[in-house]
């Protein structure tokens, strides 16, 4: 659960960084 949330947040941040 937490791991999944962390992965999703990282993915979103990476896209947002663009």
Protein backbone atom coordinates (compact mmCIF):
# COMPACT_ATOMS: atom_id res chain seq x y z
CA UNK A 1 0.00 0.00 0.00
CA UNK A 2 2.55 2.57 1.11
CA UNK A 3 5.06 1.37 -1.48
CA UNK A 4 2.45 1.71 -4.21
CA UNK A 5 1.58 5.23 -3.09
CA UNK A 6 5.25 6.18 -3.04
CA UNK A 7 5.80 4.80 -6.54
CA UNK A 8 2.77 6.64 -7.88
CA UNK A 9 3.92 9.90 -6.25
CA UNK A 10 7.39 9.51 -7.78
CA UNK A 11 5.89 8.83 -11.21
CA UNK A 12 3.62 11.87 -10.94
CA UNK A 13 6.44 14.10 -9.72
CA UNK A 14 8.63 12.96 -12.63
CA UNK A 15 5.89 13.88 -15.13
CA UNK A 16 5.21 17.15 -13.29
CA UNK A 17 8.93 17.97 -13.37
CA UNK A 18 8.72 17.97 -17.18
